Amino acid sequence: MNRTNKLLERRYHIPLAMFDDAFVRFQKKYVYPQNFLLTAVLAAIACVYVHAVVKDNTQTLAYLLIVICLALILVRWYKTFRLRRAVHDALKDVENDTYTLTLYDTGIVIRTEDAPAAETVSPAAAEEASAENASPEAEKPEGNGFAQLFPEEPASANEPIPPTEIEFGSGVRTHDCGEYFMVYVVKQNFYVIPKKDFSESEILQLSEAFSKS
């Protein structure tokens, strides 16, 4: 990815509730349709065997196949909701992490840092501080950025997580979820950008960049 034209760089923190909401949205958009399709297919197969049982209630195999179809449906949905809970518990360990987004005209780079919650600068306080200072450098508040929801490989406590590059293209989908942007790299991970940590002009800049992906 070409890194010569840097457009924006911000650091920020994402609340656990936002991670949860993003994962639910992700499941509803990409997992639920598959579940519904599988449910419809298995239910149709089960109905065929129900019809067979109605015609001849001595068909033991038909009863067994009906039970198997219903069990597969229940297992599929159970795993979906169990995964949601597992992700919530796992993310508790990284709730206070700080993330950095660097936006280029060809893509984004994500870096992850370990930062206590007490050190996180709220966007409102950062905006007020920049307004009170006259220097150009003070107009760039910290506490803004982009967060990776699922690191591909866990890093050790003494080893920094390597940066992730996402180049805009056909394999990247972006969604405006109201309070945040969600960037989904097909068949890999998805990432959350909280709008609360960005100014209106920066949100517009991100929207324009993502619309090209």
Protein backbone atom coordinates (compact mmCIF):
# COMPACT_ATOMS: atom_id res chain seq x y z
CA MET A 1 0.00 0.00 0.00
CA ASN A 2 1.23 3.48 -0.91
CA ARG A 3 1.93 5.47 2.31
CA THR A 4 3.17 8.67 0.73
CA ASN A 5 -0.04 10.69 1.15
CA LYS A 6 -1.10 10.60 4.82
CA LEU A 7 -4.51 12.24 5.28
CA LEU A 8 -5.29 11.64 8.95
CA GLU A 9 -3.91 10.06 12.11
CA ARG A 10 -5.76 9.64 15.40
CA ARG A 11 -5.57 7.67 18.65
CA TYR A 12 -8.68 6.51 20.49
CA HIS A 13 -10.41 4.07 22.82
CA ILE A 14 -13.51 1.94 22.14
CA PRO A 15 -16.00 1.02 24.92
CA LEU A 16 -16.89 -2.64 25.33
CA ALA A 17 -20.54 -1.86 24.62
CA MET A 18 -19.56 -0.57 21.18
CA PHE A 19 -17.59 -3.72 20.45
CA ASP A 20 -20.66 -5.76 21.44
CA ASP A 21 -22.95 -3.71 19.22
CA ALA A 22 -20.55 -4.04 16.29
CA PHE A 23 -20.37 -7.81 16.63
CA VAL A 24 -24.18 -8.10 16.79
CA ARG A 25 -24.45 -5.97 13.64
CA PHE A 26 -21.80 -8.11 11.97
CA GLN A 27 -23.70 -11.31 12.79
CA LYS A 28 -27.01 -9.88 11.62
CA LYS A 29 -25.51 -8.80 8.30
CA TYR A 30 -23.23 -11.73 7.47
CA VAL A 31 -24.08 -14.68 9.74
CA TYR A 32 -27.86 -14.53 10.16
CA PRO A 33 -28.57 -14.79 6.40
CA GLN A 34 -26.57 -18.04 6.28
CA ASN A 35 -28.39 -19.30 9.37
CA PHE A 36 -31.78 -18.46 7.89
CA LEU A 37 -30.89 -20.22 4.65
CA LEU A 38 -29.71 -23.35 6.46
CA THR A 39 -32.79 -23.25 8.71
CA ALA A 40 -35.10 -23.02 5.68
CA VAL A 41 -33.38 -25.93 3.92
CA LEU A 42 -33.40 -28.19 6.98
CA ALA A 43 -36.97 -27.23 7.84
CA ALA A 44 -38.06 -28.11 4.30
CA ILE A 45 -36.32 -31.48 4.56
CA ALA A 46 -37.96 -32.07 7.94
CA CYS A 47 -41.37 -31.24 6.45
CA VAL A 48 -40.85 -33.89 3.77
CA TYR A 49 -40.26 -36.52 6.41
CA VAL A 50 -43.16 -35.23 8.51
CA HIS A 51 -45.37 -35.77 5.50
CA ALA A 52 -43.95 -39.28 5.14
CA VAL A 53 -44.67 -40.01 8.81
CA VAL A 54 -48.24 -38.76 8.47
CA LYS A 55 -48.76 -41.19 5.62
CA ASP A 56 -47.00 -44.06 7.39
CA ASN A 57 -46.22 -43.69 11.10
CA THR A 58 -44.15 -46.86 11.15
CA GLN A 59 -41.20 -45.22 9.38
CA THR A 60 -38.64 -45.04 12.21
CA LEU A 61 -35.97 -43.60 9.93
CA ALA A 62 -38.22 -40.64 9.08
CA TYR A 63 -38.61 -39.81 12.78
CA LEU A 64 -34.85 -39.96 13.23
CA LEU A 65 -34.21 -37.65 10.26
CA ILE A 66 -36.75 -35.14 11.55
CA VAL A 67 -34.97 -35.03 14.90
CA ILE A 68 -31.58 -34.64 13.19
CA CYS A 69 -32.82 -31.72 11.08
CA LEU A 70 -34.25 -29.93 14.11
CA ALA A 71 -31.09 -30.62 16.13
CA LEU A 72 -28.88 -29.14 13.38
CA ILE A 73 -31.00 -25.99 13.35
CA LEU A 74 -30.78 -25.59 17.12
CA VAL A 75 -27.02 -26.24 17.16
CA ARG A 76 -26.41 -23.68 14.42
CA TRP A 77 -28.24 -20.91 16.30
CA TYR A 78 -26.81 -21.96 19.65
CA LYS A 79 -23.26 -21.64 18.31
CA THR A 80 -24.08 -18.22 16.89
CA PHE A 81 -25.23 -16.84 20.24
CA ARG A 82 -22.54 -18.68 22.22
CA LEU A 83 -19.86 -17.10 20.01
CA ARG A 84 -21.31 -13.66 20.78
CA ARG A 85 -20.89 -14.30 24.50
CA ALA A 86 -17.39 -15.70 24.06
CA VAL A 87 -16.31 -12.62 22.09
CA HIS A 88 -17.75 -10.34 24.79
CA ASP A 89 -15.75 -12.15 27.51
CA ALA A 90 -12.56 -12.09 25.41
CA LEU A 91 -12.83 -8.38 24.68
CA LYS A 92 -12.92 -7.52 28.37
CA ASP A 93 -9.15 -8.04 28.37
CA VAL A 94 -8.59 -5.37 25.70
CA GLU A 95 -11.31 -2.90 26.68
CA ASN A 96 -8.76 -0.33 27.89
CA ASP A 97 -6.43 -0.64 24.90
CA THR A 98 -5.75 2.38 22.71
CA TYR A 99 -5.76 2.18 18.93
CA THR A 100 -4.35 4.40 16.20
CA LEU A 101 -5.75 4.94 12.73
CA THR A 102 -3.63 6.37 9.94
CA LEU A 103 -5.65 7.19 6.86
CA TYR A 104 -4.03 7.30 3.42
CA ASP A 105 -5.66 7.89 0.07
CA THR A 106 -5.20 4.19 -0.77
CA GLY A 107 -6.12 2.60 2.56
CA ILE A 108 -5.65 2.60 6.33
CA VAL A 109 -3.06 1.35 8.80
CA ILE A 110 -4.10 0.23 12.29
CA ARG A 111 -1.74 0.12 15.27
CA THR A 112 -2.64 -1.20 18.72
CA GLU A 113 -1.24 0.16 21.97
CA ASP A 114 -1.76 -0.83 25.59
CA ALA A 115 -3.10 2.15 27.55
CA PRO A 116 -4.91 2.34 30.92
CA ALA A 117 -8.39 3.82 30.75
CA ALA A 118 -7.29 6.72 33.01
CA GLU A 119 -4.87 7.89 30.33
CA THR A 120 -7.48 7.96 27.58
CA VAL A 121 -8.34 11.49 26.53
CA SER A 122 -12.04 12.08 25.89
CA PRO A 123 -12.83 13.69 22.53
CA ALA A 124 -14.77 16.55 24.15
CA ALA A 125 -11.86 17.45 26.42
CA ALA A 126 -9.41 17.21 23.52
CA GLU A 127 -11.57 19.47 21.34
CA GLU A 128 -11.81 22.07 24.14
CA ALA A 129 -8.07 21.99 24.71
CA SER A 130 -7.37 22.54 21.01
CA ALA A 131 -9.79 25.46 20.90
CA GLU A 132 -8.06 27.17 23.84
CA ASN A 133 -4.59 26.95 22.30
CA ALA A 134 -3.59 29.15 19.42
CA SER A 135 -0.76 27.03 18.03
CA PRO A 136 -1.53 24.90 14.93
CA GLU A 137 -0.21 21.77 16.66
CA ALA A 138 -2.80 22.15 19.43
CA GLU A 139 -5.57 21.77 16.87
CA LYS A 140 -4.87 18.03 16.63
CA PRO A 141 -6.37 16.39 19.74
CA GLU A 142 -5.43 12.89 20.77
CA GLY A 143 -7.82 10.16 21.80
CA ASN A 144 -9.15 9.61 18.27
CA GLY A 145 -8.68 6.83 15.77
CA PHE A 146 -9.58 3.39 14.56
CA ALA A 147 -9.85 0.09 16.44
CA GLN A 148 -9.23 -3.49 15.38
CA LEU A 149 -11.89 -5.77 16.77
CA PHE A 150 -10.14 -9.09 16.35
CA PRO A 151 -6.33 -9.23 16.20
CA GLU A 152 -5.30 -12.01 13.86
CA GLU A 153 -2.67 -13.33 16.29
CA PRO A 154 -2.37 -12.53 20.01
CA ALA A 155 0.86 -10.78 20.96
CA SER A 156 2.80 -11.43 24.14
CA ALA A 157 2.82 -8.87 26.93
CA ASN A 158 6.32 -7.64 25.97
CA GLU A 159 5.81 -7.73 22.22
CA PRO A 160 3.85 -5.03 20.35
CA ILE A 161 1.03 -6.07 18.05
CA PRO A 162 2.18 -5.57 14.45
CA PRO A 163 0.30 -2.92 12.46
CA THR A 164 -2.46 -4.01 10.12
CA GLU A 165 -2.74 -2.60 6.60
CA ILE A 166 -6.13 -2.46 4.88
CA GLU A 167 -5.99 -1.37 1.27
CA PHE A 168 -9.22 -0.08 -0.22
CA GLY A 169 -10.56 -2.43 -2.86
CA SER A 170 -13.12 -5.09 -3.71
CA GLY A 171 -12.27 -7.15 -0.63
CA VAL A 172 -13.19 -4.36 1.81
CA ARG A 173 -16.74 -3.41 2.78
CA THR A 174 -17.60 -0.42 4.94
CA HIS A 175 -20.82 0.34 6.80
CA ASP A 176 -22.02 3.47 8.57
CA CYS A 177 -23.52 2.19 11.83
CA GLY A 178 -24.59 5.51 13.29
CA GLU A 179 -22.17 5.92 16.19
CA TYR A 180 -19.29 4.28 14.36
CA PHE A 181 -18.01 2.96 11.05
CA MET A 182 -17.48 -0.76 10.57
CA VAL A 183 -14.86 -1.93 8.07
CA TYR A 184 -15.16 -5.57 7.09
CA VAL A 185 -12.25 -7.26 5.34
CA VAL A 186 -13.96 -10.18 3.61
CA LYS A 187 -13.13 -13.59 5.13
CA GLN A 188 -10.73 -12.00 7.65
CA ASN A 189 -11.59 -9.43 10.34
CA PHE A 190 -13.72 -6.39 10.90
CA TYR A 191 -12.78 -3.10 12.51
CA VAL A 192 -14.64 -0.34 14.34
CA ILE A 193 -14.13 3.43 14.09
CA PRO A 194 -16.03 5.37 16.80
CA LYS A 195 -17.38 8.65 15.49
CA LYS A 196 -17.34 10.13 19.00
CA ASP A 197 -13.57 10.52 18.69
CA PHE A 198 -13.66 12.44 15.42
CA SER A 199 -14.65 15.95 14.45
CA GLU A 200 -17.39 16.48 11.88
CA SER A 201 -14.87 17.28 9.16
CA GLU A 202 -12.89 14.13 9.97
CA ILE A 203 -16.04 11.99 9.87
CA LEU A 204 -16.81 13.43 6.45
CA GLN A 205 -13.25 12.70 5.35
CA LEU A 206 -13.57 9.09 6.48
CA SER A 207 -16.96 8.74 4.80
CA GLU A 208 -15.53 9.95 1.51
CA ALA A 209 -12.53 7.64 1.79
CA PHE A 210 -14.69 4.60 2.61
CA SER A 211 -17.14 5.36 -0.20
CA LYS A 212 -14.29 4.69 -2.64
CA SER A 213 -13.51 1.26 -1.19
